[in-house]
Amino acid sequence: MQVLAEKEAEELLEQEGFPVSARCITPSIHMGLAFAKKVGFPVALKVVSSSIIHKSEVKGVRLDIRNEEEFRKHFESLMKIRRAEEVMIEPFTQGIPLLLGLKRDATFGHTLVVGWGDIYTEILKDIALRICPVDNKEVLSMFEELKVNALLEGARGKNPVDKKKLAAMIAKLSRLPEKYPNLRELDINPLLISDKELRIIDARIVFEN
């Protein structure tokens, strides 16, 4: 079994044409700070380690870092986490967090999951499932099964997201097993969505040998 953690998983998804957040991964605070200044504050920082799966459980995610002083403090703190190897720096943006996943089922083959993302995925359990591959129309029907659909459509005065663009991206994701038949699991959590963009913030991929 081959496990691609965030760094490698996002590189693969980027190569396949999926919208991955701009990022810098480095153990150097000077290189990281230069990147933060280049893209502009605020930024987000995340610990990078081949042996840390759930970053939030080790307080390995720091959001909305607004200046150099905060950056230095949080970068140094993350590098002190046990088994920390590097720090990922990326622009901090807000949006609706979605979970996207692929999993190979012994009976049905690869299945697609779409639902509420971020740290409350397992608590809210707001998900829809289909057998891969799906087309855009089928993805739009999945949205209708989700509570988060109200946010996608622009609840509480927010602008609606481009659901057709989002559906096309998810349909494309559902076809990845055709190219990678040994794909066992793929998790994107979250995909941040706003009325302006789609951006993959975190991902993990598992392949069978």
C-alpha atoms as a PDB file:
ATOM      1  CA  MET A   1       0.000   0.000   0.000  1.00  0.00           C
ATOM      2  CA  GLN A   2       1.265   3.475  -0.939  1.00  0.00           C
ATOM      3  CA  VAL A   3       0.002   6.473   1.007  1.00  0.00           C
ATOM      4  CA  LEU A   4       0.357   9.958  -0.452  1.00  0.00           C
ATOM      5  CA  ALA A   5       0.113  12.550   2.305  1.00  0.00           C
ATOM      6  CA  GLU A   6      -0.983  16.121   1.653  1.00  0.00           C
ATOM      7  CA  LYS A   7       2.148  17.286  -0.154  1.00  0.00           C
ATOM      8  CA  GLU A   8       2.318  14.404  -2.641  1.00  0.00           C
ATOM      9  CA  ALA A   9      -1.460  14.042  -2.984  1.00  0.00           C
ATOM     10  CA  GLU A  10      -1.910  17.692  -3.903  1.00  0.00           C
ATOM     11  CA  GLU A  11       0.930  17.483  -6.415  1.00  0.00           C
ATOM     12  CA  LEU A  12      -0.810  14.569  -8.149  1.00  0.00           C
ATOM     13  CA  LEU A  13      -4.170  16.365  -8.173  1.00  0.00           C
ATOM     14  CA  GLU A  14      -2.540  19.501  -9.535  1.00  0.00           C
ATOM     15  CA  GLN A  15      -0.935  17.474 -12.335  1.00  0.00           C
ATOM     16  CA  GLU A  16      -4.391  16.104 -13.171  1.00  0.00           C
ATOM     17  CA  GLY A  17      -5.758  19.624 -13.545  1.00  0.00           C
ATOM     18  CA  PHE A  18      -7.592  20.083 -10.256  1.00  0.00           C
ATOM     19  CA  PRO A  19      -7.576  23.490  -8.501  1.00  0.00           C
ATOM     20  CA  VAL A  20      -5.027  23.196  -5.693  1.00  0.00           C
ATOM     21  CA  SER A  21      -4.164  26.148  -3.470  1.00  0.00           C
ATOM     22  CA  ALA A  22      -0.875  27.972  -4.072  1.00  0.00           C
ATOM     23  CA  ARG A  23       1.534  26.813  -1.391  1.00  0.00           C
ATOM     24  CA  CYS A  24       5.083  26.695  -0.111  1.00  0.00           C
ATOM     25  CA  ILE A  25       6.390  23.713   1.871  1.00  0.00           C
ATOM     26  CA  THR A  26       9.602  24.298   3.760  1.00  0.00           C
ATOM     27  CA  PRO A  27      11.390  23.821   7.099  1.00  0.00           C
ATOM     28  CA  SER A  28      12.880  27.311   6.683  1.00  0.00           C
ATOM     29  CA  ILE A  29      11.088  30.162   8.391  1.00  0.00           C
ATOM     30  CA  HIS A  30      12.882  32.634   6.104  1.00  0.00           C
ATOM     31  CA  MET A  31      11.693  30.911   2.923  1.00  0.00           C
ATOM     32  CA  GLY A  32       8.202  30.557   4.338  1.00  0.00           C
ATOM     33  CA  LEU A  33       8.030  34.214   5.311  1.00  0.00           C
ATOM     34  CA  ALA A  34       9.220  35.287   1.867  1.00  0.00           C
ATOM     35  CA  PHE A  35       6.385  33.292   0.315  1.00  0.00           C
ATOM     36  CA  ALA A  36       3.841  34.776   2.742  1.00  0.00           C
ATOM     37  CA  LYS A  37       4.939  38.273   1.813  1.00  0.00           C
ATOM     38  CA  LYS A  38       4.764  37.407  -1.882  1.00  0.00           C
ATOM     39  CA  VAL A  39       1.172  36.091  -1.775  1.00  0.00           C
ATOM     40  CA  GLY A  40       0.126  38.577   0.908  1.00  0.00           C
ATOM     41  CA  PHE A  41      -1.278  38.161   4.391  1.00  0.00           C
ATOM     42  CA  PRO A  42      -3.399  36.625   5.795  1.00  0.00           C
ATOM     43  CA  VAL A  43      -1.997  33.116   5.343  1.00  0.00           C
ATOM     44  CA  ALA A  44      -2.583  29.678   6.819  1.00  0.00           C
ATOM     45  CA  LEU A  45       0.140  27.423   8.246  1.00  0.00           C
ATOM     46  CA  LYS A  46      -0.011  23.626   8.550  1.00  0.00           C
ATOM     47  CA  VAL A  47       2.426  21.118   9.932  1.00  0.00           C
ATOM     48  CA  VAL A  48       3.763  18.649   7.341  1.00  0.00           C
ATOM     49  CA  SER A  49       4.793  15.161   8.408  1.00  0.00           C
ATOM     50  CA  SER A  50       4.626  11.708   6.849  1.00  0.00           C
ATOM     51  CA  SER A  51       3.552  10.331  10.238  1.00  0.00           C
ATOM     52  CA  ILE A  52       0.884  12.893  11.199  1.00  0.00           C
ATOM     53  CA  ILE A  53      -2.458  12.065   9.562  1.00  0.00           C
ATOM     54  CA  HIS A  54      -4.886  14.298  11.465  1.00  0.00           C
ATOM     55  CA  LYS A  55      -3.180  17.672  11.824  1.00  0.00           C
ATOM     56  CA  SER A  56      -5.978  19.200  13.887  1.00  0.00           C
ATOM     57  CA  GLU A  57      -5.458  16.586  16.615  1.00  0.00           C
ATOM     58  CA  VAL A  58      -1.906  17.861  17.239  1.00  0.00           C
ATOM     59  CA  LYS A  59      -2.892  21.519  16.850  1.00  0.00           C
ATOM     60  CA  GLY A  60      -1.048  21.495  13.564  1.00  0.00           C
ATOM     61  CA  VAL A  61      -3.187  24.049  11.708  1.00  0.00           C
ATOM     62  CA  ARG A  62      -2.993  27.814  12.236  1.00  0.00           C
ATOM     63  CA  LEU A  63      -5.359  30.052  10.292  1.00  0.00           C
ATOM     64  CA  ASP A  64      -5.690  33.753   9.509  1.00  0.00           C
ATOM     65  CA  ILE A  65      -2.060  34.689  10.236  1.00  0.00           C
ATOM     66  CA  ARG A  66      -2.020  38.442   9.597  1.00  0.00           C
ATOM     67  CA  ASN A  67       1.524  39.735  10.036  1.00  0.00           C
ATOM     68  CA  GLU A  68       5.201  38.785  10.314  1.00  0.00           C
ATOM     69  CA  GLU A  69       5.186  38.615  14.110  1.00  0.00           C
ATOM     70  CA  GLU A  70       2.295  36.132  14.149  1.00  0.00           C
ATOM     71  CA  PHE A  71       3.908  34.185  11.327  1.00  0.00           C
ATOM     72  CA  ARG A  72       7.181  33.693  13.193  1.00  0.00           C
ATOM     73  CA  LYS A  73       5.442  32.665  16.412  1.00  0.00           C
ATOM     74  CA  HIS A  74       3.203  30.066  14.771  1.00  0.00           C
ATOM     75  CA  PHE A  75       5.859  28.726  12.373  1.00  0.00           C
ATOM     76  CA  GLU A  76       8.240  28.053  15.266  1.00  0.00           C
ATOM     77  CA  SER A  77       5.429  26.462  17.293  1.00  0.00           C
ATOM     78  CA  LEU A  78       4.504  24.097  14.451  1.00  0.00           C
ATOM     79  CA  MET A  79       8.103  22.986  13.939  1.00  0.00           C
ATOM     80  CA  LYS A  80       8.234  22.008  17.621  1.00  0.00           C
ATOM     81  CA  ILE A  81       5.397  19.511  17.196  1.00  0.00           C
ATOM     82  CA  ARG A  82       6.641  15.942  17.618  1.00  0.00           C
ATOM     83  CA  ARG A  83       7.545  14.388  14.231  1.00  0.00           C
ATOM     84  CA  ALA A  84       7.101  17.700  12.393  1.00  0.00           C
ATOM     85  CA  GLU A  85       9.167  17.808   9.195  1.00  0.00           C
ATOM     86  CA  GLU A  86       8.126  20.993   7.404  1.00  0.00           C
ATOM     87  CA  VAL A  87       5.459  23.694   7.380  1.00  0.00           C
ATOM     88  CA  MET A  88       3.030  24.388   4.545  1.00  0.00           C
ATOM     89  CA  ILE A  89       2.157  28.030   3.914  1.00  0.00           C
ATOM     90  CA  GLU A  90      -0.799  28.973   1.735  1.00  0.00           C
ATOM     91  CA  PRO A  91      -3.111  31.958   1.301  1.00  0.00           C
ATOM     92  CA  PHE A  92      -5.904  32.034   3.879  1.00  0.00           C
ATOM     93  CA  THR A  93      -9.289  32.197   2.231  1.00  0.00           C
ATOM     94  CA  GLN A  94     -12.763  31.592   3.539  1.00  0.00           C
ATOM     95  CA  GLY A  95     -15.480  29.603   1.847  1.00  0.00           C
ATOM     96  CA  ILE A  96     -17.865  26.687   2.138  1.00  0.00           C
ATOM     97  CA  PRO A  97     -15.907  23.527   3.076  1.00  0.00           C
ATOM     98  CA  LEU A  98     -16.793  20.391   1.137  1.00  0.00           C
ATOM     99  CA  LEU A  99     -15.600  16.824   1.560  1.00  0.00           C
ATOM    100  CA  LEU A 100     -14.912  14.904  -1.648  1.00  0.00           C
ATOM    101  CA  GLY A 101     -13.889  11.276  -1.502  1.00  0.00           C
ATOM    102  CA  LEU A 102     -13.324   8.165  -3.579  1.00  0.00           C
ATOM    103  CA  LYS A 103     -13.188   4.668  -2.129  1.00  0.00           C
ATOM    104  CA  ARG A 104     -12.946   1.233  -3.691  1.00  0.00           C
ATOM    105  CA  ASP A 105     -15.766  -0.988  -2.476  1.00  0.00           C
ATOM    106  CA  ALA A 106     -15.471  -4.771  -2.741  1.00  0.00           C
ATOM    107  CA  THR A 107     -19.003  -5.055  -4.141  1.00  0.00           C
ATOM    108  CA  PHE A 108     -19.657  -1.858  -6.103  1.00  0.00           C
ATOM    109  CA  GLY A 109     -16.170  -0.816  -7.194  1.00  0.00           C
ATOM    110  CA  HIS A 110     -15.168   2.795  -6.723  1.00  0.00           C
ATOM    111  CA  THR A 111     -17.703   5.028  -4.980  1.00  0.00           C
ATOM    112  CA  LEU A 112     -17.903   8.799  -4.708  1.00  0.00           C
ATOM    113  CA  VAL A 113     -18.833  10.740  -1.570  1.00  0.00           C
ATOM    114  CA  VAL A 114     -19.706  14.437  -1.446  1.00  0.00           C
ATOM    115  CA  GLY A 115     -20.616  16.246   1.757  1.00  0.00           C
ATOM    116  CA  TRP A 116     -19.934  18.815   4.425  1.00  0.00           C
ATOM    117  CA  GLY A 117     -16.207  19.116   4.993  1.00  0.00           C
ATOM    118  CA  ASP A 118     -13.683  20.436   7.504  1.00  0.00           C
ATOM    119  CA  ILE A 119     -13.303  19.152  11.071  1.00  0.00           C
ATOM    120  CA  TYR A 120     -17.014  18.416  11.634  1.00  0.00           C
ATOM    121  CA  THR A 121     -17.447  15.936   8.763  1.00  0.00           C
ATOM    122  CA  GLU A 122     -17.826  12.901  11.023  1.00  0.00           C
ATOM    123  CA  ILE A 123     -20.138  14.728  13.433  1.00  0.00           C
ATOM    124  CA  LEU A 124     -22.574  16.232  10.906  1.00  0.00           C
ATOM    125  CA  LYS A 125     -22.590  13.231   8.533  1.00  0.00           C
ATOM    126  CA  ASP A 126     -24.082  15.343   5.747  1.00  0.00           C
ATOM    127  CA  ILE A 127     -23.067  13.228   2.743  1.00  0.00           C
ATOM    128  CA  ALA A 128     -24.313  11.828  -0.562  1.00  0.00           C
ATOM    129  CA  LEU A 129     -22.960   8.670  -2.232  1.00  0.00           C
ATOM    130  CA  ARG A 130     -22.817   7.383  -5.815  1.00  0.00           C
ATOM    131  CA  ILE A 131     -21.037   4.663  -7.791  1.00  0.00           C
ATOM    132  CA  CYS A 132     -18.309   6.020 -10.086  1.00  0.00           C
ATOM    133  CA  PRO A 133     -18.223   7.481 -12.612  1.00  0.00           C
ATOM    134  CA  VAL A 134     -20.929  10.173 -12.498  1.00  0.00           C
ATOM    135  CA  ASP A 135     -21.826  12.972 -14.886  1.00  0.00           C
ATOM    136  CA  ASN A 136     -22.536  16.614 -14.097  1.00  0.00           C
ATOM    137  CA  LYS A 137     -26.284  16.031 -13.837  1.00  0.00           C
ATOM    138  CA  GLU A 138     -25.811  13.271 -11.286  1.00  0.00           C
ATOM    139  CA  VAL A 139     -23.534  15.475  -9.167  1.00  0.00           C
ATOM    140  CA  LEU A 140     -26.166  18.224  -9.160  1.00  0.00           C
ATOM    141  CA  SER A 141     -28.670  15.665  -7.862  1.00  0.00           C
ATOM    142  CA  MET A 142     -26.219  14.792  -5.063  1.00  0.00           C
ATOM    143  CA  PHE A 143     -26.190  18.429  -3.974  1.00  0.00           C
ATOM    144  CA  GLU A 144     -29.972  18.274  -3.557  1.00  0.00           C
ATOM    145  CA  GLU A 145     -29.510  15.566  -0.887  1.00  0.00           C
ATOM    146  CA  LEU A 146     -27.225  17.734   1.254  1.00  0.00           C
ATOM    147  CA  LYS A 147     -28.050  20.277   3.945  1.00  0.00           C
ATOM    148  CA  VAL A 148     -25.017  22.250   2.796  1.00  0.00           C
ATOM    149  CA  ASN A 149     -26.811  22.788  -0.515  1.00  0.00           C
ATOM    150  CA  ALA A 150     -28.585  25.782   1.049  1.00  0.00           C
ATOM    151  CA  LEU A 151     -25.181  27.435   1.500  1.00  0.00           C
ATOM    152  CA  LEU A 152     -24.163  26.602  -2.058  1.00  0.00           C
ATOM    153  CA  GLU A 153     -27.278  28.394  -3.268  1.00  0.00           C
ATOM    154  CA  GLY A 154     -26.489  31.543  -1.283  1.00  0.00           C
ATOM    155  CA  ALA A 155     -28.150  31.383   2.140  1.00  0.00           C
ATOM    156  CA  ARG A 156     -28.202  34.426   4.453  1.00  0.00           C
ATOM    157  CA  GLY A 157     -27.458  36.949   1.753  1.00  0.00           C
ATOM    158  CA  LYS A 158     -24.296  35.260   0.457  1.00  0.00           C
ATOM    159  CA  ASN A 159     -23.649  34.996  -3.254  1.00  0.00           C
ATOM    160  CA  PRO A 160     -24.398  31.536  -4.688  1.00  0.00           C
ATOM    161  CA  VAL A 161     -21.518  29.421  -5.929  1.00  0.00           C
ATOM    162  CA  ASP A 162     -21.185  28.210  -9.510  1.00  0.00           C
ATOM    163  CA  LYS A 163     -22.719  24.782  -8.967  1.00  0.00           C
ATOM    164  CA  LYS A 164     -22.238  23.765 -12.617  1.00  0.00           C
ATOM    165  CA  LYS A 165     -18.506  24.452 -12.413  1.00  0.00           C
ATOM    166  CA  LEU A 166     -18.319  22.571  -9.103  1.00  0.00           C
ATOM    167  CA  ALA A 167     -20.286  19.639 -10.537  1.00  0.00           C
ATOM    168  CA  ALA A 168     -17.954  19.428 -13.541  1.00  0.00           C
ATOM    169  CA  MET A 169     -14.932  19.240 -11.239  1.00  0.00           C
ATOM    170  CA  ILE A 170     -16.507  16.502  -9.102  1.00  0.00           C
ATOM    171  CA  ALA A 171     -17.550  14.511 -12.183  1.00  0.00           C
ATOM    172  CA  LYS A 172     -13.953  14.716 -13.397  1.00  0.00           C
ATOM    173  CA  LEU A 173     -12.779  13.459  -9.994  1.00  0.00           C
ATOM    174  CA  SER A 174     -15.136  10.463 -10.253  1.00  0.00           C
ATOM    175  CA  ARG A 175     -13.297   9.389 -13.407  1.00  0.00           C
ATOM    176  CA  LEU A 176      -9.857   9.260 -11.778  1.00  0.00           C
ATOM    177  CA  PRO A 177     -10.182   5.506 -11.029  1.00  0.00           C
ATOM    178  CA  GLU A 178     -10.321   4.901 -14.787  1.00  0.00           C
ATOM    179  CA  LYS A 179      -6.752   6.208 -15.000  1.00  0.00           C
ATOM    180  CA  TYR A 180      -5.671   4.860 -11.592  1.00  0.00           C
ATOM    181  CA  PRO A 181      -7.484   1.506 -11.138  1.00  0.00           C
ATOM    182  CA  ASN A 182      -5.328   0.706  -8.093  1.00  0.00           C
ATOM    183  CA  LEU A 183      -6.632   3.793  -6.272  1.00  0.00           C
ATOM    184  CA  ARG A 184      -7.974   2.609  -2.930  1.00  0.00           C
ATOM    185  CA  GLU A 185      -8.946   5.872  -1.225  1.00  0.00           C
ATOM    186  CA  LEU A 186      -8.887   9.575  -2.023  1.00  0.00           C
ATOM    187  CA  ASP A 187      -9.931  12.257   0.447  1.00  0.00           C
ATOM    188  CA  ILE A 188     -10.156  15.973  -0.265  1.00  0.00           C
ATOM    189  CA  ASN A 189     -11.099  17.807   2.921  1.00  0.00           C
ATOM    190  CA  PRO A 190     -11.725  20.573   2.562  1.00  0.00           C
ATOM    191  CA  LEU A 191     -12.408  21.848  -0.898  1.00  0.00           C
ATOM    192  CA  LEU A 192     -13.150  25.512  -0.167  1.00  0.00           C
ATOM    193  CA  ILE A 193     -15.821  27.032  -2.379  1.00  0.00           C
ATOM    194  CA  SER A 194     -16.840  30.651  -2.811  1.00  0.00           C
ATOM    195  CA  ASP A 195     -18.670  32.554  -5.524  1.00  0.00           C
ATOM    196  CA  LYS A 196     -15.244  33.332  -7.020  1.00  0.00           C
ATOM    197  CA  GLU A 197     -13.222  30.113  -6.886  1.00  0.00           C
ATOM    198  CA  LEU A 198     -12.739  26.458  -5.969  1.00  0.00           C
ATOM    199  CA  ARG A 199      -9.601  25.566  -4.050  1.00  0.00           C
ATOM    200  CA  ILE A 200      -8.341  22.223  -2.680  1.00  0.00           C
ATOM    201  CA  ILE A 201      -6.852  22.876   0.755  1.00  0.00           C
ATOM    202  CA  ASP A 202      -6.017  19.357   1.955  1.00  0.00           C
ATOM    203  CA  ALA A 203      -5.873  15.907   0.362  1.00  0.00           C
ATOM    204  CA  ARG A 204      -4.765  12.342   0.974  1.00  0.00           C
ATOM    205  CA  ILE A 205      -4.541   9.424  -1.486  1.00  0.00           C
ATOM    206  CA  VAL A 206      -3.976   5.699  -0.918  1.00  0.00           C
ATOM    207  CA  PHE A 207      -2.965   3.273  -3.684  1.00  0.00           C
ATOM    208  CA  GLU A 208      -2.896  -0.517  -3.560  1.00  0.00           C
ATOM    209  CA  ASN A 209       0.448  -2.046  -4.476  1.00  0.00           C
END
